[in-house]
Amino acid sequence: MYFFLLNLALIDLGCISTTVPKAMANSLWDSRVISYAGCVAQVFLLLLFLAAEYSLLTVMSYDRYVAICKPLHYGSLLDNRACAQMAAAAWGSGVLTALLHSAHAFSIPLCRDNTVDQYFCEIPQILKLSCLESDYCREVGLVFIGDCLVFVCFVFILFSYVQIFRAVLRMPSEQGRHKAFSMCLPHLAVVSLFLSTAMFAYLKPPSISSPSLNLVVAVLYSVVPPTLNPFIYSMKNHELKGEVRKVILWMFLNNDKFPLFFQK
């Protein structure tokens, strides 16, 4: 579990580092310029990390399934070699997806202006600059193939959790059920957050599209999940929860001191 969490943390760090630093630099320097190579790198890296994260979340659902439904076989089914292979497959799927989509998106001729209506480069905005409708249709075909793979992973995650909840509800011990749920709920929360924001970003009707809404949606799927994932998993840590309680208690006891910061 911690090996997969390490990979998830690296993916989240990469996802945040792909878009946020450049957006912050543009905001500080009052600039709206990005190089062509930088745009290509943003598209490739963001697709890589998003696809790798979804694949890794699918692998982690299998890890939870084996740990709860087949605990006696956990050591043989998920030994070090198997975990390394599954993590490598998750990263490999991200690289393959990023190569496929970014290579096609930047191989098409762009005949419109060079304005990307977003705070970072993403494929839907790049395709709006395309000259040929056939290129757009070809990208839609690639997206459809990707959606089929996403659906297969979603069915696998759903099947894993159906089996997990069936096994947990049959446990005679209340302590065992609590331990099993505490193991699964952070992962389930991360999966739900990732899928809900991505589905809202790419399945919203075009009729409600606007620059401000597109900006909010882009932040939802590219920044919010990787930012919240560490907090979701860290809340299981008793030491961290103890420190959070201490900070809240300290703020409550020193509440009368805070107005000093706002006095003129």
Protein backbone atom coordinates (compact mmCIF):
# COMPACT_ATOMS: atom_id res chain seq x y z
CA MET A 1 0.00 0.00 0.00
CA TYR A 2 2.75 2.47 0.89
CA PHE A 3 4.63 1.65 -2.31
CA PHE A 4 1.56 2.60 -4.35
CA LEU A 5 1.03 5.70 -2.20
CA LEU A 6 4.60 6.76 -2.96
CA ASN A 7 3.89 6.50 -6.68
CA LEU A 8 0.61 8.39 -6.24
CA ALA A 9 2.42 11.18 -4.37
CA LEU A 10 4.99 11.48 -7.18
CA ILE A 11 2.21 11.64 -9.78
CA ASP A 12 0.33 14.32 -7.81
CA LEU A 13 3.51 16.35 -7.41
CA GLY A 14 4.18 16.12 -11.14
CA CYS A 15 0.61 17.06 -12.01
CA ILE A 16 0.72 20.19 -9.86
CA SER A 17 4.20 21.15 -11.12
CA THR A 18 3.10 20.95 -14.76
CA THR A 19 0.62 23.84 -14.73
CA VAL A 20 0.70 25.82 -11.49
CA PRO A 21 4.28 27.24 -11.51
CA LYS A 22 3.92 28.63 -15.06
CA ALA A 23 0.52 30.12 -14.22
CA MET A 24 1.94 31.72 -11.06
CA ALA A 25 4.92 33.12 -12.98
CA ASN A 26 2.64 34.60 -15.65
CA SER A 27 0.49 36.17 -12.94
CA LEU A 28 3.48 37.68 -11.11
CA TRP A 29 5.13 39.00 -14.28
CA ASP A 30 1.84 40.07 -15.88
CA SER A 31 2.57 37.88 -18.89
CA ARG A 32 0.40 35.59 -21.00
CA VAL A 33 3.11 34.05 -23.16
CA ILE A 34 4.28 30.44 -23.38
CA SER A 35 6.72 28.99 -25.88
CA TYR A 36 5.64 26.34 -28.36
CA ALA A 37 7.95 23.79 -26.73
CA GLY A 38 6.56 24.71 -23.31
CA CYS A 39 3.01 24.20 -24.58
CA VAL A 40 3.92 20.76 -25.96
CA ALA A 41 5.58 19.85 -22.67
CA GLN A 42 2.52 20.93 -20.67
CA VAL A 43 0.14 18.86 -22.79
CA PHE A 44 2.38 15.79 -22.73
CA LEU A 45 3.16 15.89 -18.99
CA LEU A 46 -0.39 16.65 -17.89
CA LEU A 47 -1.78 13.76 -19.96
CA LEU A 48 0.98 11.49 -18.66
CA PHE A 49 0.26 12.21 -15.00
CA LEU A 50 -3.54 12.13 -15.32
CA ALA A 51 -3.55 8.82 -17.20
CA ALA A 52 -0.94 7.33 -14.85
CA GLU A 53 -2.96 8.41 -11.81
CA TYR A 54 -6.14 6.78 -13.07
CA SER A 55 -4.27 3.57 -13.90
CA LEU A 56 -2.61 3.60 -10.48
CA LEU A 57 -5.96 4.11 -8.73
CA THR A 58 -7.23 1.05 -10.60
CA VAL A 59 -4.22 -0.95 -9.42
CA MET A 60 -4.77 0.26 -5.85
CA SER A 61 -8.37 -0.94 -5.94
CA TYR A 62 -7.03 -4.41 -6.78
CA ASP A 63 -4.59 -4.10 -3.89
CA ARG A 64 -7.48 -3.36 -1.51
CA TYR A 65 -9.52 -6.22 -2.98
CA VAL A 66 -6.77 -8.77 -2.39
CA ALA A 67 -5.97 -7.43 1.08
CA ILE A 68 -9.58 -7.76 2.28
CA CYS A 69 -11.11 -10.55 0.20
CA LYS A 70 -8.04 -12.80 -0.13
CA PRO A 71 -5.75 -11.89 2.77
CA LEU A 72 -4.04 -15.29 2.91
CA HIS A 73 -2.96 -14.96 -0.73
CA TYR A 74 -1.81 -11.36 -0.43
CA GLY A 75 1.89 -12.21 -0.14
CA SER A 76 1.87 -14.39 -3.24
CA LEU A 77 -0.40 -12.25 -5.43
CA LEU A 78 1.17 -8.90 -4.53
CA ASP A 79 4.83 -9.56 -3.86
CA ASN A 80 7.49 -6.95 -4.57
CA ARG A 81 7.87 -7.98 -8.20
CA ALA A 82 4.12 -7.86 -8.89
CA CYS A 83 3.80 -4.44 -7.26
CA ALA A 84 6.72 -3.08 -9.29
CA GLN A 85 5.24 -4.47 -12.51
CA MET A 86 1.81 -2.97 -11.84
CA ALA A 87 3.30 0.42 -10.97
CA ALA A 88 5.42 0.29 -14.13
CA ALA A 89 2.30 -0.57 -16.14
CA ALA A 90 0.50 2.45 -14.68
CA TRP A 91 3.38 4.78 -15.61
CA GLY A 92 3.68 3.11 -19.02
CA SER A 93 -0.01 3.64 -19.77
CA GLY A 94 0.43 7.30 -18.93
CA VAL A 95 3.42 7.66 -21.25
CA LEU A 96 1.62 5.85 -24.08
CA THR A 97 -1.54 7.94 -23.70
CA ALA A 98 0.43 11.18 -23.57
CA LEU A 99 2.50 10.26 -26.63
CA LEU A 100 -0.53 9.26 -28.66
CA HIS A 101 -2.64 12.36 -27.97
CA SER A 102 0.08 15.00 -27.87
CA ALA A 103 1.78 13.71 -31.04
CA HIS A 104 -1.52 13.91 -32.91
CA ALA A 105 -2.57 17.26 -31.46
CA PHE A 106 0.68 18.99 -32.44
CA SER A 107 1.02 17.31 -35.83
CA ILE A 108 -2.08 19.03 -37.24
CA PRO A 109 -1.75 22.40 -38.99
CA LEU A 110 -2.85 25.39 -36.94
CA CYS A 111 -4.26 28.18 -39.08
CA ARG A 112 -6.08 30.32 -36.55
CA ASP A 113 -4.53 32.69 -34.03
CA ASN A 114 -2.15 31.55 -31.33
CA THR A 115 -4.42 32.32 -28.37
CA VAL A 116 -5.20 29.40 -26.07
CA ASP A 117 -8.29 30.23 -24.06
CA GLN A 118 -7.00 28.66 -20.86
CA TYR A 119 -4.34 29.25 -18.22
CA PHE A 120 -2.38 26.24 -19.52
CA CYS A 121 -2.18 24.30 -22.77
CA GLU A 122 -4.74 21.50 -23.13
CA ILE A 123 -5.84 19.48 -26.14
CA PRO A 124 -9.43 20.82 -26.51
CA GLN A 125 -8.09 24.37 -26.73
CA ILE A 126 -5.33 23.36 -29.15
CA LEU A 127 -7.83 21.62 -31.44
CA LYS A 128 -9.90 24.80 -31.67
CA LEU A 129 -6.96 26.30 -33.58
CA SER A 130 -6.95 23.48 -36.14
CA CYS A 131 -7.61 24.15 -39.82
CA LEU A 132 -9.15 20.82 -40.77
CA GLU A 133 -12.32 19.28 -39.39
CA SER A 134 -10.94 15.81 -40.20
CA ASP A 135 -8.15 16.29 -37.65
CA TYR A 136 -10.70 17.19 -35.02
CA CYS A 137 -12.72 14.07 -35.87
CA ARG A 138 -9.59 11.94 -35.66
CA GLU A 139 -8.88 13.28 -32.17
CA VAL A 140 -12.48 12.53 -31.20
CA GLY A 141 -11.84 8.94 -32.31
CA LEU A 142 -8.74 8.77 -30.10
CA VAL A 143 -10.72 10.19 -27.20
CA PHE A 144 -13.41 7.56 -27.76
CA ILE A 145 -10.82 4.78 -27.56
CA GLY A 146 -9.44 6.34 -24.38
CA ASP A 147 -12.94 6.59 -22.94
CA CYS A 148 -13.47 2.87 -23.55
CA LEU A 149 -10.31 2.09 -21.56
CA VAL A 150 -11.45 4.50 -18.83
CA PHE A 151 -14.79 2.71 -18.69
CA VAL A 152 -13.09 -0.70 -18.39
CA CYS A 153 -10.99 0.59 -15.47
CA PHE A 154 -14.10 2.08 -13.88
CA VAL A 155 -15.94 -1.26 -14.11
CA PHE A 156 -12.91 -2.99 -12.56
CA ILE A 157 -12.84 -0.51 -9.66
CA LEU A 158 -16.59 -0.85 -9.18
CA PHE A 159 -16.41 -4.65 -9.21
CA SER A 160 -13.54 -4.61 -6.70
CA TYR A 161 -15.46 -2.44 -4.25
CA VAL A 162 -18.66 -4.47 -4.59
CA GLN A 163 -16.66 -7.55 -3.58
CA ILE A 164 -14.91 -5.62 -0.82
CA PHE A 165 -18.14 -4.33 0.75
CA ARG A 166 -19.70 -7.79 0.54
CA ALA A 167 -16.70 -9.26 2.37
CA VAL A 168 -16.63 -6.48 4.96
CA LEU A 169 -20.34 -6.80 5.78
CA ARG A 170 -19.85 -10.53 6.41
CA MET A 171 -17.13 -9.90 8.98
CA PRO A 172 -18.30 -10.90 12.49
CA SER A 173 -15.99 -8.46 14.26
CA GLU A 174 -16.94 -4.79 14.42
CA GLN A 175 -13.27 -3.89 14.87
CA GLY A 176 -12.40 -5.81 11.70
CA ARG A 177 -15.11 -4.00 9.73
CA HIS A 178 -13.88 -0.64 11.01
CA LYS A 179 -10.29 -1.46 10.05
CA ALA A 180 -11.35 -2.60 6.58
CA PHE A 181 -13.44 0.50 5.97
CA SER A 182 -10.65 2.78 7.20
CA MET A 183 -8.34 1.11 4.68
CA CYS A 184 -10.74 1.55 1.76
CA LEU A 185 -12.46 4.88 2.35
CA PRO A 186 -9.44 7.14 1.60
CA HIS A 187 -8.88 5.38 -1.72
CA LEU A 188 -12.58 5.50 -2.53
CA ALA A 189 -12.65 9.22 -1.74
CA VAL A 190 -9.65 9.86 -4.01
CA VAL A 191 -11.22 7.86 -6.86
CA SER A 192 -14.54 9.69 -6.48
CA LEU A 193 -12.83 13.09 -6.45
CA PHE A 194 -10.72 12.29 -9.51
CA LEU A 195 -13.57 10.83 -11.58
CA SER A 196 -16.17 13.45 -10.64
CA THR A 197 -13.93 16.40 -11.55
CA ALA A 198 -12.72 14.78 -14.79
CA MET A 199 -16.25 13.81 -15.86
CA PHE A 200 -17.54 17.30 -15.13
CA ALA A 201 -14.67 18.79 -17.14
CA TYR A 202 -15.10 16.68 -20.27
CA LEU A 203 -18.80 15.76 -20.24
CA LYS A 204 -20.36 19.15 -19.51
CA PRO A 205 -22.69 20.39 -22.30
CA PRO A 206 -21.11 22.88 -24.74
CA SER A 207 -24.10 25.18 -24.21
CA ILE A 208 -22.90 26.09 -20.71
CA SER A 209 -19.32 26.68 -21.79
CA SER A 210 -17.71 30.04 -21.05
CA PRO A 211 -14.11 31.21 -20.45
CA SER A 212 -14.65 31.66 -16.71
CA LEU A 213 -16.38 28.29 -16.35
CA ASN A 214 -13.65 26.58 -18.38
CA LEU A 215 -11.08 28.07 -16.03
CA VAL A 216 -12.90 26.80 -12.94
CA VAL A 217 -13.36 23.36 -14.47
CA ALA A 218 -9.69 23.15 -15.44
CA VAL A 219 -8.66 23.95 -11.88
CA LEU A 220 -11.10 21.31 -10.61
CA TYR A 221 -9.59 18.42 -12.53
CA SER A 222 -5.94 19.47 -12.77
CA VAL A 223 -5.25 21.09 -9.38
CA VAL A 224 -7.88 20.08 -6.80
CA PRO A 225 -7.46 16.25 -6.81
CA PRO A 226 -3.63 16.19 -6.56
CA THR A 227 -3.79 18.88 -3.86
CA LEU A 228 -6.36 17.10 -1.71
CA ASN A 229 -5.04 13.54 -2.12
CA PRO A 230 -2.24 13.91 0.47
CA PHE A 231 -4.69 15.35 3.01
CA ILE A 232 -7.20 12.54 2.41
CA TYR A 233 -4.62 9.84 3.01
CA SER A 234 -2.87 11.70 5.83
CA MET A 235 -6.01 11.90 7.94
CA LYS A 236 -5.47 8.23 8.82
CA ASN A 237 -2.24 9.22 10.52
CA HIS A 238 -2.87 9.55 14.26
CA GLU A 239 0.17 11.78 14.79
CA LEU A 240 -1.01 14.20 12.10
CA LYS A 241 -4.53 14.31 13.52
CA GLY A 242 -3.05 15.01 16.95
CA GLU A 243 -1.02 17.93 15.59
CA VAL A 244 -4.08 19.32 13.77
CA ARG A 245 -6.03 19.20 17.05
CA LYS A 246 -3.21 21.04 18.81
CA VAL A 247 -3.18 23.78 16.16
CA ILE A 248 -6.97 24.20 16.33
CA LEU A 249 -6.85 24.29 20.14
CA TRP A 250 -4.02 26.84 20.08
CA MET A 251 -5.96 29.04 17.65
CA PHE A 252 -9.04 28.80 19.86
CA LEU A 253 -7.13 29.71 23.02
CA ASN A 254 -5.30 32.60 21.30
CA ASN A 255 -8.32 33.91 19.44
CA ASP A 256 -8.12 37.29 21.18
CA LYS A 257 -4.63 37.87 19.73
CA PHE A 258 -5.56 37.54 16.07
CA PRO A 259 -7.22 40.99 15.70
CA LEU A 260 -3.80 42.55 16.37
CA PHE A 261 -2.76 41.54 12.85
CA PHE A 262 -5.55 43.64 11.35
CA GLN A 263 -5.13 46.81 13.39
CA LYS A 264 -3.92 49.88 11.54
